């Protein structure tokens, strides 16, 4: 046994408790993350439950070609990307701004109240939240239309308009998750060296100047990591929420890849085609993740790996 192997063996013996603690997570990862990847084979087969995965007929890229020729493909692709990029544009920077402002609240009681109120919507069930949104936007007594009526505006059936869906989805997400998403930024701000803040105050820096020149730079590494992760899931639009807000009238603006996969795979039992759609979705997300990570490392010298 060479020196390097001996060193590794001694390290394992010394830290065996840590390896035991990692073992359950490793087992979970193997059985629930890597083992299911075996099922991706059915994307290239005409899967039949009785024949099994290996017994089913091999069809190659037929399901992918069928997807690209499908009437719904450009619609679901456009809707998914529109909702994702709009969410990235609006919901990503808001928690950062919120965290910076909360950090400036010196009264601890007021600060706790603000944080509690902003966190509360996150714990509302997605289905309950969608029900609340539908009620608030209802043309018959909904709070939004009641407010508009005060200014002489006729009731608007927001949930029946395909173009309004993306705004309803994104703005309701902002309301529900901004406070919760700000937690990690507030935690990062707590690590700022007080000496820097005291020096800025002595030099006469205003609160806004301290936010821009001290607090914000401290958030940049966290912002970069979270931005990379969000770009890596750019094709993932929450299935439950999109499905709950859909109806026959707004479907052309509300049908996204995740809901399409559900309807094709479970309702129509076309498992091979649904797997092909999901696989394409994952491939695009992976390419985005690697690309954005490479750009971040080149520009900011920080990334996920």
Protein backbone atom coordinates (compact mmCIF):
# COMPACT_ATOMS: atom_id res chain seq x y z
CA UNK A 1 0.00 0.00 0.00
CA UNK A 2 1.52 3.32 -1.09
CA UNK A 3 1.58 6.49 1.02
CA UNK A 4 -1.50 8.01 -0.63
CA UNK A 5 -3.65 4.90 -0.07
CA UNK A 6 -2.43 4.63 3.52
CA UNK A 7 -3.38 8.26 4.13
CA UNK A 8 -6.91 7.67 2.75
CA UNK A 9 -7.34 4.56 4.91
CA UNK A 10 -6.29 6.46 8.03
CA UNK A 11 -8.68 9.30 7.13
CA UNK A 12 -11.57 6.82 6.77
CA UNK A 13 -10.79 5.15 10.10
CA UNK A 14 -10.53 8.54 11.83
CA UNK A 15 -13.76 9.95 10.36
CA UNK A 16 -15.86 6.80 10.07
CA UNK A 17 -18.73 8.43 11.99
CA UNK A 18 -19.05 11.12 9.32
CA UNK A 19 -19.19 8.51 6.56
CA UNK A 20 -21.92 6.64 8.47
CA UNK A 21 -23.93 9.90 8.68
CA UNK A 22 -23.60 10.39 4.90
CA UNK A 23 -24.69 6.81 4.14
CA UNK A 24 -28.52 7.31 4.39
CA UNK A 25 -28.34 10.31 2.03
CA UNK A 26 -26.17 8.31 -0.38
CA UNK A 27 -28.60 5.36 -0.33
CA UNK A 28 -31.54 7.73 -0.95
CA UNK A 29 -29.67 9.34 -3.86
CA UNK A 30 -28.91 5.99 -5.49
CA UNK A 31 -32.41 4.51 -5.15
CA UNK A 32 -34.56 7.59 -5.70
CA UNK A 33 -32.42 9.75 -8.03
CA UNK A 34 -30.10 7.52 -10.08
CA UNK A 35 -31.97 4.21 -10.23
CA UNK A 36 -35.15 5.80 -11.76
CA UNK A 37 -32.98 7.05 -14.65
CA UNK A 38 -33.17 3.48 -15.91
CA UNK A 39 -36.76 4.28 -16.90
CA UNK A 40 -35.60 6.87 -19.44
CA UNK A 41 -35.14 3.99 -21.87
CA UNK A 42 -38.89 3.96 -22.53
CA UNK A 43 -38.51 7.33 -24.28
CA UNK A 44 -36.95 5.35 -27.13
CA UNK A 45 -39.45 2.49 -27.01
CA UNK A 46 -43.15 1.93 -27.61
CA UNK A 47 -43.66 0.98 -23.98
CA UNK A 48 -46.14 -1.77 -23.16
CA UNK A 49 -46.83 -2.56 -19.50
CA UNK A 50 -47.20 -6.30 -20.09
CA UNK A 51 -44.02 -6.60 -22.14
CA UNK A 52 -41.96 -4.51 -19.74
CA UNK A 53 -39.20 -2.05 -20.52
CA UNK A 54 -36.82 -4.48 -22.23
CA UNK A 55 -39.58 -6.39 -24.02
CA UNK A 56 -41.20 -3.33 -25.57
CA UNK A 57 -40.56 -2.40 -29.19
CA UNK A 58 -37.60 -0.10 -29.86
CA UNK A 59 -38.69 2.97 -31.89
CA UNK A 60 -35.63 5.23 -31.58
CA UNK A 61 -36.39 8.95 -31.86
CA UNK A 62 -39.96 8.54 -33.11
CA UNK A 63 -41.49 10.10 -29.98
CA UNK A 64 -39.21 13.13 -30.23
CA UNK A 65 -40.13 13.62 -33.89
CA UNK A 66 -43.79 13.30 -32.96
CA UNK A 67 -43.29 15.99 -30.30
CA UNK A 68 -41.63 18.41 -32.71
CA UNK A 69 -44.45 17.91 -35.25
CA UNK A 70 -47.14 18.29 -32.59
CA UNK A 71 -49.57 21.23 -32.71
CA UNK A 72 -48.99 21.84 -28.99
CA UNK A 73 -45.16 21.86 -29.05
CA UNK A 74 -44.61 25.54 -30.02
CA UNK A 75 -47.44 26.56 -27.67
CA UNK A 76 -46.14 24.76 -24.57
CA UNK A 77 -42.55 25.79 -25.33
CA UNK A 78 -43.52 29.46 -25.69
CA UNK A 79 -45.70 29.39 -22.55
CA UNK A 80 -43.05 27.64 -20.46
CA UNK A 81 -40.25 30.00 -21.51
CA UNK A 82 -42.46 33.09 -21.14
CA UNK A 83 -43.50 32.20 -17.59
CA UNK A 84 -39.95 31.17 -16.62
CA UNK A 85 -38.20 34.26 -17.98
CA UNK A 86 -40.88 36.60 -16.62
CA UNK A 87 -40.50 34.92 -13.23
CA UNK A 88 -36.72 35.26 -13.43
CA UNK A 89 -37.03 38.93 -14.34
CA UNK A 90 -39.53 39.82 -11.59
CA UNK A 91 -39.38 37.28 -8.77
CA UNK A 92 -35.59 36.82 -8.65
CA UNK A 93 -34.49 40.40 -7.78
CA UNK A 94 -37.40 41.19 -5.41
CA UNK A 95 -36.18 38.98 -2.50
CA UNK A 96 -32.77 40.69 -2.76
CA UNK A 97 -34.33 44.15 -2.54
CA UNK A 98 -36.64 43.02 0.26
CA UNK A 99 -33.72 41.56 2.25
CA UNK A 100 -31.73 44.81 1.89
CA UNK A 101 -34.65 46.87 3.18
CA UNK A 102 -35.45 44.48 6.04
CA UNK A 103 -31.79 44.63 7.05
CA UNK A 104 -32.15 48.39 7.47
CA UNK A 105 -35.02 48.06 9.96
CA UNK A 106 -33.37 48.61 13.33
CA UNK A 107 -36.44 48.12 15.51
CA UNK A 108 -36.35 44.37 16.23
CA UNK A 109 -40.07 44.11 16.99
CA UNK A 110 -41.07 45.79 13.74
CA UNK A 111 -38.53 43.68 11.88
CA UNK A 112 -39.95 40.43 13.26
CA UNK A 113 -43.50 41.48 12.38
CA UNK A 114 -42.47 42.35 8.80
CA UNK A 115 -40.64 39.05 8.38
CA UNK A 116 -43.48 36.99 9.86
CA UNK A 117 -46.09 38.64 7.62
CA UNK A 118 -43.90 38.18 4.53
CA UNK A 119 -43.12 34.52 5.33
CA UNK A 120 -46.74 33.52 6.04
CA UNK A 121 -47.98 33.16 2.40
CA UNK A 122 -45.26 30.58 1.72
CA UNK A 123 -46.99 28.12 4.07
CA UNK A 124 -50.31 28.32 2.24
CA UNK A 125 -51.02 25.19 0.20
CA UNK A 126 -50.62 25.69 -3.56
CA UNK A 127 -54.20 24.54 -4.18
CA UNK A 128 -55.59 26.83 -1.47
CA UNK A 129 -53.55 29.72 -2.86
CA UNK A 130 -54.88 29.05 -6.39
CA UNK A 131 -58.42 29.04 -4.99
CA UNK A 132 -57.76 32.39 -3.33
CA UNK A 133 -56.40 33.82 -6.60
CA UNK A 134 -59.44 32.62 -8.56
CA UNK A 135 -61.80 34.14 -5.98
CA UNK A 136 -59.93 37.46 -5.91
CA UNK A 137 -59.97 37.70 -9.72
CA UNK A 138 -63.57 36.61 -10.12
CA UNK A 139 -65.70 39.03 -12.18
CA UNK A 140 -68.58 38.38 -9.74
CA UNK A 141 -67.57 40.06 -6.51
CA UNK A 142 -63.81 39.45 -6.68
CA UNK A 143 -61.77 41.99 -4.72
CA UNK A 144 -59.79 43.10 -7.80
CA UNK A 145 -62.87 43.72 -9.92
CA UNK A 146 -64.63 45.40 -6.98
CA UNK A 147 -61.70 47.80 -6.75
CA UNK A 148 -61.72 48.44 -10.52
CA UNK A 149 -65.47 49.05 -10.42
CA UNK A 150 -64.84 51.99 -8.07
CA UNK A 151 -63.05 53.68 -10.99
CA UNK A 152 -65.79 52.86 -13.48
CA UNK A 153 -64.05 49.85 -15.06
CA UNK A 154 -66.28 47.00 -16.16
CA UNK A 155 -65.62 43.58 -14.56
CA UNK A 156 -62.83 41.66 -16.29
CA UNK A 157 -62.71 37.85 -16.47
CA UNK A 158 -58.97 37.59 -15.86
CA UNK A 159 -58.98 33.81 -15.58
CA UNK A 160 -60.57 33.50 -19.03
CA UNK A 161 -57.79 35.43 -20.80
CA UNK A 162 -54.80 33.37 -22.04
CA UNK A 163 -52.51 36.42 -22.12
CA UNK A 164 -53.24 37.19 -18.46
CA UNK A 165 -52.20 33.73 -17.23
CA UNK A 166 -48.45 34.38 -17.13
CA UNK A 167 -48.95 37.55 -15.07
CA UNK A 168 -51.34 35.81 -12.69
CA UNK A 169 -48.88 32.93 -12.25
CA UNK A 170 -45.79 35.10 -11.72
CA UNK A 171 -47.35 37.80 -9.51
CA UNK A 172 -49.02 35.23 -7.26
CA UNK A 173 -45.63 33.50 -6.96
CA UNK A 174 -44.04 36.82 -6.00
CA UNK A 175 -46.68 37.32 -3.29
CA UNK A 176 -46.24 33.81 -1.95
CA UNK A 177 -42.45 33.36 -2.04
CA UNK A 178 -40.69 36.75 -1.86
CA UNK A 179 -40.45 36.80 1.94
CA UNK A 180 -39.39 33.18 2.18
CA UNK A 181 -36.78 33.51 -0.59
CA UNK A 182 -35.29 36.53 1.19
CA UNK A 183 -34.26 34.42 4.20
CA UNK A 184 -31.01 33.24 2.62
CA UNK A 185 -30.08 36.82 1.69
CA UNK A 186 -30.88 38.10 5.18
CA UNK A 187 -28.64 35.34 6.56
CA UNK A 188 -25.84 36.38 4.20
CA UNK A 189 -26.18 40.02 5.29
CA UNK A 190 -25.70 39.03 8.93
CA UNK A 191 -22.12 38.01 8.10
CA UNK A 192 -21.09 41.51 6.97
CA UNK A 193 -18.19 42.81 9.06
CA UNK A 194 -19.51 45.52 11.47
CA UNK A 195 -16.17 47.34 11.13
CA UNK A 196 -16.99 48.12 7.49
CA UNK A 197 -20.38 49.53 8.48
CA UNK A 198 -18.88 51.67 11.26
CA UNK A 199 -16.21 52.99 8.88
CA UNK A 200 -18.87 53.90 6.31
CA UNK A 201 -20.95 55.70 8.96
CA UNK A 202 -17.90 57.68 10.12
CA UNK A 203 -17.22 58.68 6.51
CA UNK A 204 -20.80 59.99 6.26
CA UNK A 205 -22.23 57.27 3.99
CA UNK A 206 -26.03 57.29 3.81
CA UNK A 207 -28.14 54.15 4.25
CA UNK A 208 -28.57 53.83 0.50
CA UNK A 209 -24.81 54.15 -0.06
CA UNK A 210 -24.14 51.48 2.57
CA UNK A 211 -26.65 49.19 0.85
CA UNK A 212 -25.00 49.67 -2.55
CA UNK A 213 -21.33 49.62 -1.56
CA UNK A 214 -21.24 47.28 1.46
CA UNK A 215 -24.31 45.06 1.74
CA UNK A 216 -24.96 44.35 -1.93
CA UNK A 217 -21.36 43.22 -2.71
CA UNK A 218 -21.66 40.82 0.25
CA UNK A 219 -24.69 39.24 -1.45
CA UNK A 220 -23.10 38.79 -4.88
CA UNK A 221 -21.69 35.23 -4.33
CA UNK A 222 -25.11 34.07 -3.02
CA UNK A 223 -26.92 35.81 -5.86
CA UNK A 224 -24.69 34.13 -8.46
CA UNK A 225 -25.25 30.64 -7.04
CA UNK A 226 -29.03 31.04 -6.82
CA UNK A 227 -29.17 32.59 -10.30
CA UNK A 228 -27.30 29.61 -11.74
CA UNK A 229 -29.68 27.19 -10.01
CA UNK A 230 -32.75 29.07 -11.21
CA UNK A 231 -31.43 29.19 -14.79
CA UNK A 232 -30.83 25.45 -14.52
CA UNK A 233 -34.55 24.94 -13.95
CA UNK A 234 -35.71 27.44 -16.57
CA UNK A 235 -37.92 24.83 -18.25
CA UNK A 236 -39.55 23.76 -14.98
CA UNK A 237 -42.83 25.53 -14.32
CA UNK A 238 -44.66 24.22 -11.25
CA UNK A 239 -47.16 21.60 -12.40
CA UNK A 240 -49.65 21.86 -9.51
CA UNK A 241 -50.14 25.60 -9.73
CA UNK A 242 -50.33 25.76 -13.53
CA UNK A 243 -52.80 22.87 -13.61
CA UNK A 244 -54.99 24.39 -10.86
CA UNK A 245 -55.17 27.76 -12.67
CA UNK A 246 -55.98 26.26 -16.07
CA UNK A 247 -59.40 26.20 -17.68
CA UNK A 248 -60.74 25.61 -21.17
CA UNK A 249 -60.72 29.34 -21.97
CA UNK A 250 -57.09 30.12 -21.04
CA UNK A 251 -55.50 26.80 -22.05
CA UNK A 252 -53.57 28.21 -25.03
CA UNK A 253 -51.75 30.51 -22.63
CA UNK A 254 -51.67 28.19 -19.61
CA UNK A 255 -50.54 24.84 -21.02
CA UNK A 256 -46.88 24.32 -20.07
CA UNK A 257 -44.52 21.36 -20.46
CA UNK A 258 -45.19 19.93 -16.97
CA UNK A 259 -48.99 19.92 -17.37
CA UNK A 260 -48.68 18.56 -20.91
CA UNK A 261 -46.54 15.66 -19.65
CA UNK A 262 -49.13 14.91 -16.95
CA UNK A 263 -52.03 14.84 -19.41
CA UNK A 264 -50.20 12.75 -22.00
CA UNK A 265 -48.54 10.38 -19.56
CA UNK A 266 -51.20 9.76 -16.91
CA UNK A 267 -54.52 10.73 -18.48
CA UNK A 268 -53.78 9.29 -21.95
CA UNK A 269 -51.36 6.61 -20.64
CA UNK A 270 -48.84 7.39 -23.36
CA UNK A 271 -45.86 6.80 -21.07
CA UNK A 272 -43.18 6.68 -23.76
CA UNK A 273 -44.17 10.00 -25.31
CA UNK A 274 -44.47 11.68 -21.90
CA UNK A 275 -41.01 10.38 -20.95
CA UNK A 276 -39.56 11.75 -24.19
CA UNK A 277 -41.03 15.20 -23.45
CA UNK A 278 -39.72 15.12 -19.88
CA UNK A 279 -36.30 13.95 -21.04
CA UNK A 280 -36.02 16.78 -23.56
CA UNK A 281 -37.00 19.18 -20.78
CA UNK A 282 -34.22 17.85 -18.52
CA UNK A 283 -31.61 17.99 -21.29
CA UNK A 284 -32.37 21.67 -21.97
CA UNK A 285 -32.19 22.45 -18.23
CA UNK A 286 -28.82 20.69 -17.98
CA UNK A 287 -27.41 22.62 -20.95
CA UNK A 288 -28.65 25.89 -19.41
CA UNK A 289 -27.12 25.00 -16.04
CA UNK A 290 -23.69 24.18 -17.51
CA UNK A 291 -23.72 27.24 -19.78
CA UNK A 292 -24.72 29.75 -17.09
CA UNK A 293 -22.26 28.21 -14.62
CA UNK A 294 -19.43 28.58 -17.16
CA UNK A 295 -20.38 32.22 -17.83
CA UNK A 296 -20.55 32.95 -14.08
CA UNK A 297 -17.10 31.43 -13.49
CA UNK A 298 -15.64 33.48 -16.33
CA UNK A 299 -17.27 36.76 -15.27
CA UNK A 300 -17.44 36.48 -11.48
CA UNK A 301 -14.96 33.64 -10.77
CA UNK A 302 -17.60 31.74 -8.81
CA UNK A 303 -19.95 28.91 -9.70
CA UNK A 304 -21.49 25.63 -8.55
CA UNK A 305 -18.37 23.69 -9.53
